[in-house]
Amino acid sequence: MSKNFQGILVLIGIVIFIVYKILEGVFLVIADNIVVIVTVILSTLGVFVTYLAYVEIYFRSKKFNEIREGISKHTKNCNDLNHYIEELKNSYVNIESYNYGTGEMIDNSRYNFQRKEWNMVINNNQTHHCSSSVCQNARSQPIKYLCKYFDIEKNEKSLSKFEKVLNDFTSVEEGKELIRKERESILNSISNRVPFIIQRFNRDRLIKKLGFETVDISDAYIPTFIFQYISPGGNSSLRCDIKLNIENLNNLINYLNDLIKWQKSVAGQRALMTSNLREEIKERDNYRCCECSLGIEDEPNLLLEIDHIFPLSKGGMSTRENLQTLCWKCNRTKGSRILD
């Protein structure tokens, strides 16, 4: 037996002996203090059970029901706005890569190539398979290549569609933040009536019990368009993701507007429905609804939207004179009608 191997065995023996002595000491301490340890465990368990019982009793109490009933109108308003936001998330973006059909790849190579990138192929109508140069160019000029390879028509109809999507998506983002602020305002208004222990350790349950519905704050509703390159050998790949968020929608609208050949009579009148124009119209209307006169001075967390007085579907145009500020409730009720 070599000296190195003997040394390793000695070292292992020392470690085992040290661990044994430590465990022996721990068990001796436990044995000497078993009564104290059991008492602490039972006391802790008793406190925890008492706490759970207190929470259940509180949420079933008359006092809590009175608080919930007292804010039910405000809770319903938050939930209604949340439903409206979910509707706006479905604003349709009909963009897709050309469908070249489907096929099956059979690799009969004699060599043991892994070709791991072949397993990363994305097949859907929002993915364009391309060369590496196209993928790199899409990264540097995303809007231009999005229009080119996803067949976005450069006309007024297409521009109006994306202006509507921008309008809806902007309302979604503003609405999510306003719901959060309104909910916090409501919770603060009742904070002195709700026990601290409930607010501190049961906040999520408190929000749910008060009747607030869950607000989806993710941006999963925003469509993402992908340029993907995979080498013929399947050993390397590139990918460029273009998320059609508010920033890119603004860029897309400006890009389309520069390419469209407007009639002179239209070009002089039409304004682009960008984020800047939305804010400009709200400021012009003093941040008040032109239908019900409700404004942010009355409700600080009021969602205001920009509406076409004469709807686009009926030949209206995006001119400043044809735009107005409406609160989300009036805009939801109006739809494509023309208000008197």
Protein backbone atom coordinates (compact mmCIF):
# COMPACT_ATOMS: atom_id res chain seq x y z
CA MET A 1 0.00 0.00 0.00
CA SER A 2 1.47 3.38 -1.02
CA LYS A 3 2.21 6.10 1.52
CA ASN A 4 -0.19 8.52 -0.26
CA PHE A 5 -3.09 6.10 0.06
CA GLN A 6 -2.27 5.50 3.75
CA GLY A 7 -2.29 9.26 4.31
CA ILE A 8 -5.71 9.59 2.70
CA LEU A 9 -7.13 6.84 4.93
CA VAL A 10 -5.73 8.55 8.03
CA LEU A 11 -7.27 11.85 6.97
CA ILE A 12 -10.68 10.24 6.38
CA GLY A 13 -10.46 8.57 9.79
CA ILE A 14 -9.74 11.89 11.50
CA VAL A 15 -12.71 13.57 9.77
CA ILE A 16 -15.05 10.74 10.77
CA PHE A 17 -13.86 10.94 14.38
CA ILE A 18 -14.40 14.75 14.51
CA VAL A 19 -17.93 14.44 13.07
CA TYR A 20 -18.70 11.66 15.57
CA LYS A 21 -17.59 13.78 18.53
CA ILE A 22 -19.62 16.77 17.32
CA LEU A 23 -22.79 14.69 16.93
CA GLU A 24 -22.15 13.07 20.32
CA GLY A 25 -21.97 16.52 21.91
CA VAL A 26 -25.16 17.67 20.18
CA PHE A 27 -27.11 14.62 21.33
CA LEU A 28 -25.84 15.09 24.90
CA VAL A 29 -27.01 18.73 24.88
CA ILE A 30 -30.40 17.70 23.53
CA ALA A 31 -30.72 14.95 26.13
CA ASP A 32 -29.86 17.34 28.97
CA ASN A 33 -32.30 20.01 27.75
CA ILE A 34 -35.07 17.91 26.24
CA VAL A 35 -37.76 19.48 28.42
CA VAL A 36 -36.72 23.02 27.47
CA ILE A 37 -36.53 22.18 23.77
CA VAL A 38 -39.96 20.51 23.75
CA THR A 39 -41.43 23.48 25.64
CA VAL A 40 -40.02 25.95 23.10
CA ILE A 41 -41.31 23.91 20.14
CA LEU A 42 -44.80 23.56 21.64
CA SER A 43 -44.91 27.25 22.57
CA THR A 44 -43.89 28.27 19.07
CA LEU A 45 -46.47 25.93 17.57
CA GLY A 46 -49.11 27.31 19.91
CA VAL A 47 -48.33 30.90 18.96
CA PHE A 48 -48.47 30.01 15.25
CA VAL A 49 -51.81 28.21 15.58
CA THR A 50 -53.21 31.14 17.60
CA TYR A 51 -52.03 33.55 14.89
CA LEU A 52 -53.71 31.50 12.12
CA ALA A 53 -56.93 31.36 14.13
CA TYR A 54 -56.81 35.12 14.71
CA VAL A 55 -56.40 35.79 10.99
CA GLU A 56 -59.34 33.54 10.08
CA ILE A 57 -61.56 35.11 12.76
CA TYR A 58 -60.63 38.63 11.61
CA PHE A 59 -61.50 38.03 7.95
CA ARG A 60 -64.86 36.58 9.01
CA SER A 61 -65.60 39.38 11.45
CA LYS A 62 -68.34 41.99 11.16
CA LYS A 63 -65.73 44.75 11.41
CA PHE A 64 -63.87 43.51 8.33
CA ASN A 65 -67.10 43.07 6.38
CA GLU A 66 -68.01 46.69 7.15
CA ILE A 67 -64.62 47.85 5.83
CA ARG A 68 -65.06 45.78 2.65
CA GLU A 69 -68.58 47.08 2.07
CA GLY A 70 -67.43 50.65 2.68
CA ILE A 71 -64.90 50.54 -0.16
CA SER A 72 -66.85 48.21 -2.49
CA LYS A 73 -67.63 51.01 -4.95
CA HIS A 74 -63.94 51.90 -5.29
CA THR A 75 -62.97 48.22 -5.51
CA LYS A 76 -65.47 47.66 -8.32
CA ASN A 77 -64.12 50.68 -10.19
CA CYS A 78 -60.59 49.22 -10.02
CA ASN A 79 -61.81 45.83 -11.20
CA ASP A 80 -63.81 47.34 -14.07
CA LEU A 81 -60.73 49.25 -15.22
CA ASN A 82 -58.72 46.03 -14.98
CA HIS A 83 -61.26 44.27 -17.25
CA TYR A 84 -61.06 47.13 -19.74
CA ILE A 85 -57.27 46.92 -19.79
CA GLU A 86 -57.44 43.19 -20.52
CA GLU A 87 -59.71 43.99 -23.49
CA LEU A 88 -57.23 46.54 -24.83
CA LYS A 89 -54.41 43.97 -24.63
CA ASN A 90 -56.17 42.07 -27.41
CA SER A 91 -55.60 44.89 -29.88
CA TYR A 92 -54.86 42.85 -33.00
CA VAL A 93 -51.52 43.11 -34.77
CA ASN A 94 -51.88 41.14 -38.01
CA ILE A 95 -48.22 40.76 -38.88
CA GLU A 96 -46.70 37.48 -39.89
CA SER A 97 -43.89 36.05 -41.93
CA TYR A 98 -44.73 34.39 -45.25
CA ASN A 99 -45.84 30.78 -44.82
CA TYR A 100 -43.58 28.55 -46.91
CA GLY A 101 -45.16 25.31 -45.68
CA THR A 102 -43.70 22.59 -43.46
CA GLY A 103 -41.16 19.85 -44.00
CA GLU A 104 -39.32 17.09 -42.15
CA MET A 105 -35.54 16.98 -41.78
CA ILE A 106 -33.91 13.53 -41.88
CA ASP A 107 -30.19 13.46 -41.05
CA ASN A 108 -28.45 10.40 -42.56
CA SER A 109 -24.93 11.68 -41.92
CA ARG A 110 -22.39 9.00 -41.06
CA TYR A 111 -20.61 11.34 -38.71
CA ASN A 112 -21.62 11.86 -35.12
CA PHE A 113 -22.50 15.56 -35.42
CA GLN A 114 -24.63 16.92 -32.60
CA ARG A 115 -26.22 19.71 -34.70
CA LYS A 116 -27.67 21.05 -31.42
CA GLU A 117 -28.84 24.35 -32.96
CA TRP A 118 -31.30 22.50 -35.19
CA ASN A 119 -33.31 21.78 -32.04
CA MET A 120 -33.59 25.54 -31.42
CA VAL A 121 -35.57 26.25 -34.60
CA ILE A 122 -38.69 28.36 -33.92
CA ASN A 123 -41.60 27.64 -36.23
CA ASN A 124 -44.43 30.15 -35.99
CA ASN A 125 -45.84 33.03 -38.04
CA GLN A 126 -43.93 35.61 -35.99
CA THR A 127 -40.50 34.15 -36.85
CA HIS A 128 -38.57 34.74 -40.06
CA HIS A 129 -35.74 32.34 -40.90
CA CYS A 130 -32.99 34.21 -42.66
CA SER A 131 -29.28 34.54 -43.38
CA SER A 132 -26.84 35.78 -40.76
CA SER A 133 -26.44 39.11 -42.58
CA VAL A 134 -30.20 39.74 -42.57
CA CYS A 135 -30.31 38.88 -38.86
CA GLN A 136 -27.49 41.33 -38.11
CA ASN A 137 -29.10 44.07 -40.23
CA ALA A 138 -32.41 43.55 -38.45
CA ARG A 139 -30.64 44.28 -35.18
CA SER A 140 -29.27 47.59 -36.48
CA GLN A 141 -32.42 48.64 -38.43
CA PRO A 142 -35.29 46.77 -36.73
CA ILE A 143 -38.24 48.79 -38.06
CA LYS A 144 -37.05 48.75 -41.66
CA TYR A 145 -36.48 44.99 -41.66
CA LEU A 146 -39.70 44.31 -39.76
CA CYS A 147 -41.64 46.04 -42.55
CA LYS A 148 -39.66 44.33 -45.29
CA TYR A 149 -39.77 40.72 -44.13
CA PHE A 150 -43.14 40.68 -42.34
CA ASP A 151 -45.02 42.25 -45.26
CA ILE A 152 -46.21 45.40 -43.52
CA GLU A 153 -47.99 47.45 -46.16
CA LYS A 154 -46.90 51.06 -46.47
CA ASN A 155 -50.28 52.73 -46.78
CA GLU A 156 -52.69 54.82 -44.74
CA LYS A 157 -54.78 51.82 -43.68
CA SER A 158 -51.73 50.11 -42.21
CA LEU A 159 -50.62 53.33 -40.50
CA SER A 160 -54.07 53.84 -38.94
CA LYS A 161 -54.03 50.27 -37.64
CA PHE A 162 -50.73 50.75 -35.85
CA GLU A 163 -51.84 54.10 -34.48
CA LYS A 164 -54.81 52.33 -32.89
CA VAL A 165 -52.55 49.62 -31.46
CA LEU A 166 -50.27 52.29 -29.99
CA ASN A 167 -53.27 54.09 -28.53
CA ASP A 168 -54.52 50.87 -26.91
CA PHE A 169 -51.14 49.69 -25.64
CA THR A 170 -50.40 53.11 -24.15
CA SER A 171 -53.72 53.00 -22.31
CA VAL A 172 -52.81 49.53 -21.01
CA GLU A 173 -49.49 50.70 -19.55
CA GLU A 174 -51.01 53.88 -18.08
CA GLY A 175 -53.97 51.90 -16.75
CA LYS A 176 -51.80 49.33 -14.95
CA GLU A 177 -49.95 52.10 -13.11
CA LEU A 178 -53.18 53.97 -12.29
CA ILE A 179 -54.78 50.80 -10.87
CA ARG A 180 -51.74 50.27 -8.67
CA LYS A 181 -51.89 53.85 -7.38
CA GLU A 182 -55.64 53.73 -6.83
CA ARG A 183 -55.39 50.45 -4.94
CA GLU A 184 -52.61 51.84 -2.74
CA SER A 185 -54.70 54.95 -2.09
CA ILE A 186 -57.67 52.81 -1.00
CA LEU A 187 -55.50 50.63 1.25
CA ASN A 188 -53.95 53.71 2.85
CA SER A 189 -57.41 55.13 3.56
CA ILE A 190 -58.30 52.08 5.69
CA SER A 191 -54.86 51.40 7.18
CA ASN A 192 -55.85 52.79 10.59
CA ARG A 193 -58.81 50.37 10.74
CA VAL A 194 -56.92 47.19 9.82
CA PRO A 195 -54.65 45.54 12.43
CA PHE A 196 -50.94 45.99 11.75
CA ILE A 197 -50.28 42.25 11.88
CA ILE A 198 -52.80 41.69 9.06
CA GLN A 199 -51.28 44.45 6.91
CA ARG A 200 -47.73 43.31 7.55
CA PHE A 201 -47.99 39.54 7.18
CA ASN A 202 -51.21 39.02 5.18
CA ARG A 203 -51.12 41.86 2.64
CA ASP A 204 -51.84 39.73 -0.44
CA ARG A 205 -54.70 37.95 1.28
CA LEU A 206 -56.07 41.27 2.55
CA ILE A 207 -56.11 42.65 -1.00
CA LYS A 208 -57.92 39.55 -2.26
CA LYS A 209 -60.44 39.50 0.62
CA LEU A 210 -61.26 43.17 0.04
CA GLY A 211 -62.39 42.18 -3.46
CA PHE A 212 -59.49 43.40 -5.61
CA GLU A 213 -58.84 41.17 -8.60
CA THR A 214 -55.33 40.20 -9.68
CA VAL A 215 -53.73 42.70 -12.05
CA ASP A 216 -51.46 41.24 -14.71
CA ILE A 217 -48.51 43.65 -14.76
CA SER A 218 -46.46 41.64 -17.26
CA ASP A 219 -45.84 42.72 -20.85
CA ALA A 220 -46.61 39.27 -22.28
CA TYR A 221 -49.38 40.83 -24.41
CA ILE A 222 -46.82 42.75 -26.49
CA PRO A 223 -46.03 40.80 -29.70
CA THR A 224 -42.43 39.86 -30.43
CA PHE A 225 -41.13 39.25 -33.96
CA ILE A 226 -38.03 37.14 -34.45
CA PHE A 227 -35.31 36.95 -37.09
CA GLN A 228 -33.50 33.64 -36.72
CA TYR A 229 -30.42 32.26 -38.46
CA ILE A 230 -29.13 28.72 -37.97
CA SER A 231 -26.07 27.54 -39.84
CA PRO A 232 -26.48 24.64 -42.32
CA GLY A 233 -24.37 22.45 -40.06
CA GLY A 234 -26.53 23.28 -37.05
CA ASN A 235 -23.55 24.33 -34.93
CA SER A 236 -24.08 28.12 -34.72
CA SER A 237 -27.04 30.50 -34.66
CA LEU A 238 -28.11 34.15 -34.44
CA ARG A 239 -31.37 35.65 -33.29
CA CYS A 240 -32.83 39.16 -33.27
CA ASP A 241 -36.03 39.81 -31.28
CA ILE A 242 -38.09 42.90 -32.09
CA LYS A 243 -40.68 43.63 -29.40
CA LEU A 244 -43.50 45.84 -30.69
CA ASN A 245 -43.65 47.91 -27.50
CA ILE A 246 -44.67 51.56 -27.24
CA GLU A 247 -41.24 52.85 -28.23
CA ASN A 248 -41.07 50.67 -31.34
CA LEU A 249 -44.69 51.43 -32.24
CA ASN A 250 -43.85 55.14 -32.22
CA ASN A 251 -40.82 54.43 -34.43
CA LEU A 252 -42.91 52.28 -36.78
CA ILE A 253 -45.60 54.94 -37.15
CA ASN A 254 -43.04 57.62 -37.98
CA TYR A 255 -41.28 55.28 -40.44
CA LEU A 256 -44.51 54.43 -42.29
CA ASN A 257 -45.55 58.07 -42.40
CA ASP A 258 -42.26 59.00 -44.09
CA LEU A 259 -42.79 56.33 -46.77
CA ILE A 260 -46.46 56.94 -47.55
CA LYS A 261 -47.16 59.18 -50.52
CA TRP A 262 -49.92 61.37 -49.15
CA GLN A 263 -52.37 63.36 -51.20
CA LYS A 264 -51.60 67.04 -50.71
CA SER A 265 -55.05 67.69 -49.22
CA VAL A 266 -54.50 64.97 -46.62
CA ALA A 267 -50.84 65.58 -45.83
CA GLY A 268 -51.52 69.09 -44.62
CA GLN A 269 -54.29 68.00 -42.25
CA ARG A 270 -53.28 64.67 -40.82
CA ALA A 271 -51.39 64.38 -37.54
CA LEU A 272 -49.58 61.24 -36.38
CA MET A 273 -51.20 59.52 -33.40
CA THR A 274 -47.98 59.26 -31.42
CA SER A 275 -47.41 59.34 -27.67
CA ASN A 276 -46.50 63.03 -27.93
CA LEU A 277 -49.77 63.86 -29.71
CA ARG A 278 -51.77 61.96 -27.08
CA GLU A 279 -50.26 64.11 -24.35
CA GLU A 280 -50.78 67.26 -26.43
CA ILE A 281 -54.53 66.56 -26.83
CA LYS A 282 -54.95 65.82 -23.11
CA GLU A 283 -53.23 69.09 -22.23
CA ARG A 284 -55.41 70.98 -24.71
CA ASP A 285 -58.53 69.52 -23.07
CA ASN A 286 -57.20 70.35 -19.57
CA TYR A 287 -56.97 66.65 -18.69
CA ARG A 288 -60.76 66.40 -18.59
CA CYS A 289 -63.21 64.08 -20.32
CA CYS A 290 -64.99 65.98 -23.09
CA GLU A 291 -68.14 63.91 -22.48
CA CYS A 292 -68.68 63.74 -18.68
CA SER A 293 -66.26 66.57 -17.68
CA LEU A 294 -64.52 64.33 -15.13
CA GLY A 295 -60.82 65.22 -14.79
CA ILE A 296 -57.69 64.25 -12.91
CA GLU A 297 -58.41 67.04 -10.42
CA ASP A 298 -61.53 65.10 -9.43
CA GLU A 299 -59.94 61.63 -9.68
CA PRO A 300 -56.12 61.73 -9.63
CA ASN A 301 -55.93 58.13 -10.89
CA LEU A 302 -58.37 58.57 -13.77
CA LEU A 303 -57.40 56.88 -17.05
CA LEU A 304 -57.83 59.36 -19.92
CA GLU A 305 -57.78 58.20 -23.55
CA ILE A 306 -57.66 59.87 -26.96
CA ASP A 307 -60.70 59.28 -29.16
CA HIS A 308 -61.60 60.08 -32.77
CA ILE A 309 -64.76 62.19 -32.70
CA PHE A 310 -65.62 60.98 -36.19
CA PRO A 311 -64.39 57.34 -36.14
CA LEU A 312 -61.71 56.09 -38.53
CA SER A 313 -64.06 53.28 -39.55
CA LYS A 314 -66.48 55.90 -40.86
CA GLY A 315 -63.93 57.98 -42.73
CA GLY A 316 -62.63 60.13 -39.87
CA MET A 317 -59.03 61.33 -39.85
CA SER A 318 -56.34 61.70 -37.20
CA THR A 319 -56.46 65.49 -37.15
CA ARG A 320 -56.26 67.56 -34.00
CA GLU A 321 -59.78 68.84 -34.66
CA ASN A 322 -61.09 65.26 -34.85
CA LEU A 323 -59.41 64.15 -31.61
CA GLN A 324 -60.75 64.52 -28.09
CA THR A 325 -60.01 63.37 -24.56
CA LEU A 326 -62.40 60.86 -23.01
CA CYS A 327 -62.26 59.02 -19.71
CA TRP A 328 -62.02 55.26 -20.14
CA LYS A 329 -65.66 54.71 -19.16
CA CYS A 330 -67.01 57.17 -21.75
CA ASN A 331 -64.64 55.83 -24.41
CA ARG A 332 -65.69 52.25 -23.65
CA THR A 333 -69.36 53.21 -23.93
CA LYS A 334 -68.89 55.25 -27.11
CA GLY A 335 -67.21 52.58 -29.22
CA SER A 336 -67.44 53.63 -32.88
CA ARG A 337 -70.51 55.85 -32.32
CA ILE A 338 -70.47 59.57 -32.94
CA LEU A 339 -71.35 61.46 -29.77
CA ASP A 340 -73.79 64.33 -30.03
